[in-house]
Amino acid sequence: MGKPPSVAKAHKTASPLHHLRVLTADENTEEYSIPLAYRKMENLHIVFWLFKDVAWCMGFEWLGTIMIVPTLVISIVIAYRTRKYVSELCHNLAITLWIGANSFWMISEFFHFDHLSVWGAMEYKHLALIPFTAGILVLAFYYLYWKPQNKNIPL
């Protein structure tokens, strides 16, 4: 004999923190939840990202360069933790690629090689287009291929 419906439903919707399933998505309620520890990490990630970009804007080379490390590392951790959800993984990979491109561009300006020619009219700062384009391709894969093929999956 199974569990009473109320117990089964409570058990089904509960979100125990498990190393293989850190996010939950319930197809019946259109709910999506993130464990509080992960949400705190994402919020801290935003703080690091803002410090990196403000340092870039203000020309603080040492701070901007240092802030690349926590900003990029946390971005990679977030992408890894969301790997079981294609929507989250694709968006978080695109963010990681964006931060990488943005960081390269920032460093090229800080160390004054942004305007040097790589080939023809292409300058070193234009190499940031490689990870920017990769991020766009990841999102194109998700929106143009994966999502239309998996309309029944809520995320």
C-alpha atoms as a PDB file:
ATOM      1  CA  MET A   1       0.000   0.000   0.000  1.00  0.00           C
ATOM      2  CA  GLY A   2       1.300   3.463  -0.920  1.00  0.00           C
ATOM      3  CA  LYS A   3       1.484   6.692   0.992  1.00  0.00           C
ATOM      4  CA  PRO A   4      -1.633   8.834   1.460  1.00  0.00           C
ATOM      5  CA  PRO A   5      -1.965  11.426  -1.342  1.00  0.00           C
ATOM      6  CA  SER A   6      -1.131  14.368   0.925  1.00  0.00           C
ATOM      7  CA  VAL A   7       2.088  12.694   2.136  1.00  0.00           C
ATOM      8  CA  ALA A   8       3.040  11.595  -1.374  1.00  0.00           C
ATOM      9  CA  LYS A   9       2.466  15.120  -2.700  1.00  0.00           C
ATOM     10  CA  ALA A  10       4.457  16.712   0.128  1.00  0.00           C
ATOM     11  CA  HIS A  11       7.281  14.243  -0.464  1.00  0.00           C
ATOM     12  CA  LYS A  12       7.196  14.868  -4.217  1.00  0.00           C
ATOM     13  CA  THR A  13       7.286  18.664  -3.951  1.00  0.00           C
ATOM     14  CA  ALA A  14       9.883  18.808  -1.186  1.00  0.00           C
ATOM     15  CA  SER A  15      13.279  19.862  -2.421  1.00  0.00           C
ATOM     16  CA  PRO A  16      15.930  17.984  -0.465  1.00  0.00           C
ATOM     17  CA  LEU A  17      19.438  19.195  -1.177  1.00  0.00           C
ATOM     18  CA  HIS A  18      21.059  16.346  -3.045  1.00  0.00           C
ATOM     19  CA  HIS A  19      24.385  16.450  -4.810  1.00  0.00           C
ATOM     20  CA  LEU A  20      22.875  15.204  -8.073  1.00  0.00           C
ATOM     21  CA  ARG A  21      19.790  17.396  -8.081  1.00  0.00           C
ATOM     22  CA  VAL A  22      20.340  20.884  -6.764  1.00  0.00           C
ATOM     23  CA  LEU A  23      17.457  22.570  -8.543  1.00  0.00           C
ATOM     24  CA  THR A  24      13.858  21.446  -8.719  1.00  0.00           C
ATOM     25  CA  ALA A  25      11.252  22.002 -11.354  1.00  0.00           C
ATOM     26  CA  ASP A  26       7.725  20.695 -10.890  1.00  0.00           C
ATOM     27  CA  GLU A  27       5.908  20.191 -14.194  1.00  0.00           C
ATOM     28  CA  ASN A  28       2.518  20.454 -12.472  1.00  0.00           C
ATOM     29  CA  THR A  29       2.940  23.803 -10.702  1.00  0.00           C
ATOM     30  CA  GLU A  30       5.363  25.652 -12.973  1.00  0.00           C
ATOM     31  CA  GLU A  31       7.618  26.233  -9.969  1.00  0.00           C
ATOM     32  CA  TYR A  32      11.358  26.398 -10.051  1.00  0.00           C
ATOM     33  CA  SER A  33      13.427  26.583  -6.909  1.00  0.00           C
ATOM     34  CA  ILE A  34      17.078  27.105  -6.145  1.00  0.00           C
ATOM     35  CA  PRO A  35      18.601  26.163  -2.785  1.00  0.00           C
ATOM     36  CA  LEU A  36      19.331  29.227  -0.662  1.00  0.00           C
ATOM     37  CA  ALA A  37      23.090  28.537  -0.573  1.00  0.00           C
ATOM     38  CA  TYR A  38      23.181  28.573  -4.390  1.00  0.00           C
ATOM     39  CA  ARG A  39      21.093  31.755  -4.571  1.00  0.00           C
ATOM     40  CA  LYS A  40      23.539  33.434  -2.170  1.00  0.00           C
ATOM     41  CA  MET A  41      26.408  32.365  -4.429  1.00  0.00           C
ATOM     42  CA  GLU A  42      24.645  33.828  -7.466  1.00  0.00           C
ATOM     43  CA  ASN A  43      24.069  37.106  -5.630  1.00  0.00           C
ATOM     44  CA  LEU A  44      27.734  37.262  -4.569  1.00  0.00           C
ATOM     45  CA  HIS A  45      28.645  36.573  -8.193  1.00  0.00           C
ATOM     46  CA  ILE A  46      26.804  39.748  -9.202  1.00  0.00           C
ATOM     47  CA  VAL A  47      28.780  41.739  -6.619  1.00  0.00           C
ATOM     48  CA  PHE A  48      32.098  40.427  -8.000  1.00  0.00           C
ATOM     49  CA  TRP A  49      30.965  41.098 -11.569  1.00  0.00           C
ATOM     50  CA  LEU A  50      30.018  44.680 -10.752  1.00  0.00           C
ATOM     51  CA  PHE A  51      33.330  45.309  -8.974  1.00  0.00           C
ATOM     52  CA  LYS A  52      35.170  43.963 -12.028  1.00  0.00           C
ATOM     53  CA  ASP A  53      33.291  46.214 -14.428  1.00  0.00           C
ATOM     54  CA  VAL A  54      33.447  49.295 -12.186  1.00  0.00           C
ATOM     55  CA  ALA A  55      37.212  48.749 -11.843  1.00  0.00           C
ATOM     56  CA  TRP A  56      37.406  48.564 -15.654  1.00  0.00           C
ATOM     57  CA  CYS A  57      35.404  51.757 -16.032  1.00  0.00           C
ATOM     58  CA  MET A  58      37.569  53.563 -13.461  1.00  0.00           C
ATOM     59  CA  GLY A  59      40.853  52.215 -14.832  1.00  0.00           C
ATOM     60  CA  PHE A  60      41.794  50.261 -11.682  1.00  0.00           C
ATOM     61  CA  GLU A  61      43.845  47.589 -13.472  1.00  0.00           C
ATOM     62  CA  TRP A  62      44.820  45.617 -10.358  1.00  0.00           C
ATOM     63  CA  LEU A  63      41.252  45.388  -8.997  1.00  0.00           C
ATOM     64  CA  GLY A  64      39.664  44.603 -12.357  1.00  0.00           C
ATOM     65  CA  THR A  65      42.226  41.892 -13.090  1.00  0.00           C
ATOM     66  CA  ILE A  66      41.883  40.326  -9.631  1.00  0.00           C
ATOM     67  CA  MET A  67      38.078  40.329  -9.835  1.00  0.00           C
ATOM     68  CA  ILE A  68      38.171  38.224 -13.000  1.00  0.00           C
ATOM     69  CA  VAL A  69      39.062  35.153 -10.938  1.00  0.00           C
ATOM     70  CA  PRO A  70      36.084  35.013  -8.526  1.00  0.00           C
ATOM     71  CA  THR A  71      33.669  36.264 -11.187  1.00  0.00           C
ATOM     72  CA  LEU A  72      34.696  33.594 -13.690  1.00  0.00           C
ATOM     73  CA  VAL A  73      35.095  30.776 -11.145  1.00  0.00           C
ATOM     74  CA  ILE A  74      31.651  31.333  -9.628  1.00  0.00           C
ATOM     75  CA  SER A  75      30.155  31.526 -13.113  1.00  0.00           C
ATOM     76  CA  ILE A  76      31.680  28.142 -13.953  1.00  0.00           C
ATOM     77  CA  VAL A  77      30.450  26.638 -10.659  1.00  0.00           C
ATOM     78  CA  ILE A  78      26.934  27.940 -11.310  1.00  0.00           C
ATOM     79  CA  ALA A  79      26.963  26.464 -14.832  1.00  0.00           C
ATOM     80  CA  TYR A  80      28.211  23.132 -13.457  1.00  0.00           C
ATOM     81  CA  ARG A  81      25.554  23.022 -10.746  1.00  0.00           C
ATOM     82  CA  THR A  82      22.788  23.645 -13.298  1.00  0.00           C
ATOM     83  CA  ARG A  83      24.047  21.076 -15.806  1.00  0.00           C
ATOM     84  CA  LYS A  84      20.989  18.828 -15.462  1.00  0.00           C
ATOM     85  CA  TYR A  85      18.687  21.565 -16.795  1.00  0.00           C
ATOM     86  CA  VAL A  86      19.483  22.402 -20.400  1.00  0.00           C
ATOM     87  CA  SER A  87      17.866  25.836 -20.191  1.00  0.00           C
ATOM     88  CA  GLU A  88      19.867  26.836 -17.140  1.00  0.00           C
ATOM     89  CA  LEU A  89      23.066  25.250 -18.425  1.00  0.00           C
ATOM     90  CA  CYS A  90      22.882  27.021 -21.791  1.00  0.00           C
ATOM     91  CA  HIS A  91      22.178  30.413 -20.246  1.00  0.00           C
ATOM     92  CA  ASN A  92      24.865  29.979 -17.607  1.00  0.00           C
ATOM     93  CA  LEU A  93      27.402  28.838 -20.204  1.00  0.00           C
ATOM     94  CA  ALA A  94      26.540  31.929 -22.266  1.00  0.00           C
ATOM     95  CA  ILE A  95      27.132  34.086 -19.178  1.00  0.00           C
ATOM     96  CA  THR A  96      30.473  32.358 -18.532  1.00  0.00           C
ATOM     97  CA  LEU A  97      31.519  32.976 -22.141  1.00  0.00           C
ATOM     98  CA  TRP A  98      30.367  36.587 -21.882  1.00  0.00           C
ATOM     99  CA  ILE A  99      32.440  37.128 -18.723  1.00  0.00           C
ATOM    100  CA  GLY A 100      35.436  35.506 -20.422  1.00  0.00           C
ATOM    101  CA  ALA A 101      35.092  37.738 -23.484  1.00  0.00           C
ATOM    102  CA  ASN A 102      34.506  40.800 -21.362  1.00  0.00           C
ATOM    103  CA  SER A 103      37.537  39.985 -19.197  1.00  0.00           C
ATOM    104  CA  PHE A 104      39.820  39.514 -22.209  1.00  0.00           C
ATOM    105  CA  TRP A 105      38.653  42.817 -23.650  1.00  0.00           C
ATOM    106  CA  MET A 106      39.262  44.530 -20.295  1.00  0.00           C
ATOM    107  CA  ILE A 107      42.770  43.079 -19.994  1.00  0.00           C
ATOM    108  CA  SER A 108      43.594  44.067 -23.562  1.00  0.00           C
ATOM    109  CA  GLU A 109      42.723  47.657 -22.675  1.00  0.00           C
ATOM    110  CA  PHE A 110      44.499  47.595 -19.307  1.00  0.00           C
ATOM    111  CA  PHE A 111      47.735  46.322 -20.809  1.00  0.00           C
ATOM    112  CA  HIS A 112      47.441  48.443 -23.963  1.00  0.00           C
ATOM    113  CA  PHE A 113      47.392  45.757 -26.634  1.00  0.00           C
ATOM    114  CA  ASP A 114      43.722  46.181 -27.557  1.00  0.00           C
ATOM    115  CA  HIS A 115      44.491  48.375 -30.562  1.00  0.00           C
ATOM    116  CA  LEU A 116      47.363  46.275 -31.929  1.00  0.00           C
ATOM    117  CA  SER A 117      46.703  44.435 -35.176  1.00  0.00           C
ATOM    118  CA  VAL A 118      46.237  40.667 -35.140  1.00  0.00           C
ATOM    119  CA  TRP A 119      45.559  40.396 -38.863  1.00  0.00           C
ATOM    120  CA  GLY A 120      44.577  43.160 -41.237  1.00  0.00           C
ATOM    121  CA  ALA A 121      42.042  45.456 -39.579  1.00  0.00           C
ATOM    122  CA  MET A 122      41.377  42.930 -36.806  1.00  0.00           C
ATOM    123  CA  GLU A 123      42.740  44.115 -33.469  1.00  0.00           C
ATOM    124  CA  TYR A 124      43.368  42.084 -30.311  1.00  0.00           C
ATOM    125  CA  LYS A 125      40.213  43.398 -28.636  1.00  0.00           C
ATOM    126  CA  HIS A 126      38.255  41.849 -31.525  1.00  0.00           C
ATOM    127  CA  LEU A 127      39.385  38.396 -30.349  1.00  0.00           C
ATOM    128  CA  ALA A 128      36.751  38.817 -27.639  1.00  0.00           C
ATOM    129  CA  LEU A 129      34.263  38.165 -30.444  1.00  0.00           C
ATOM    130  CA  ILE A 130      35.217  34.475 -30.287  1.00  0.00           C
ATOM    131  CA  PRO A 131      33.711  33.776 -26.838  1.00  0.00           C
ATOM    132  CA  PHE A 132      30.919  36.320 -27.452  1.00  0.00           C
ATOM    133  CA  THR A 133      29.973  34.388 -30.608  1.00  0.00           C
ATOM    134  CA  ALA A 134      30.275  31.061 -28.801  1.00  0.00           C
ATOM    135  CA  GLY A 135      27.794  32.330 -26.205  1.00  0.00           C
ATOM    136  CA  ILE A 136      25.387  33.398 -28.940  1.00  0.00           C
ATOM    137  CA  LEU A 137      25.734  29.956 -30.566  1.00  0.00           C
ATOM    138  CA  VAL A 138      24.980  28.201 -27.254  1.00  0.00           C
ATOM    139  CA  LEU A 139      21.794  30.263 -26.902  1.00  0.00           C
ATOM    140  CA  ALA A 140      20.917  29.721 -30.575  1.00  0.00           C
ATOM    141  CA  PHE A 141      21.231  25.964 -29.998  1.00  0.00           C
ATOM    142  CA  TYR A 142      18.885  26.219 -27.028  1.00  0.00           C
ATOM    143  CA  TYR A 143      16.226  28.470 -28.585  1.00  0.00           C
ATOM    144  CA  LEU A 144      16.308  27.216 -32.162  1.00  0.00           C
ATOM    145  CA  TYR A 145      16.930  23.503 -31.641  1.00  0.00           C
ATOM    146  CA  TRP A 146      16.589  22.143 -28.106  1.00  0.00           C
ATOM    147  CA  LYS A 147      13.590  24.104 -26.829  1.00  0.00           C
ATOM    148  CA  PRO A 148      11.368  23.431 -29.889  1.00  0.00           C
ATOM    149  CA  GLN A 149      12.248  19.739 -29.644  1.00  0.00           C
ATOM    150  CA  ASN A 150      11.409  19.597 -25.907  1.00  0.00           C
ATOM    151  CA  LYS A 151       8.256  21.675 -25.487  1.00  0.00           C
ATOM    152  CA  ASN A 152       6.980  19.406 -22.712  1.00  0.00           C
ATOM    153  CA  ILE A 153       9.941  20.175 -20.423  1.00  0.00           C
ATOM    154  CA  PRO A 154       9.174  23.226 -18.265  1.00  0.00           C
ATOM    155  CA  LEU A 155      12.696  24.678 -18.281  1.00  0.00           C
END
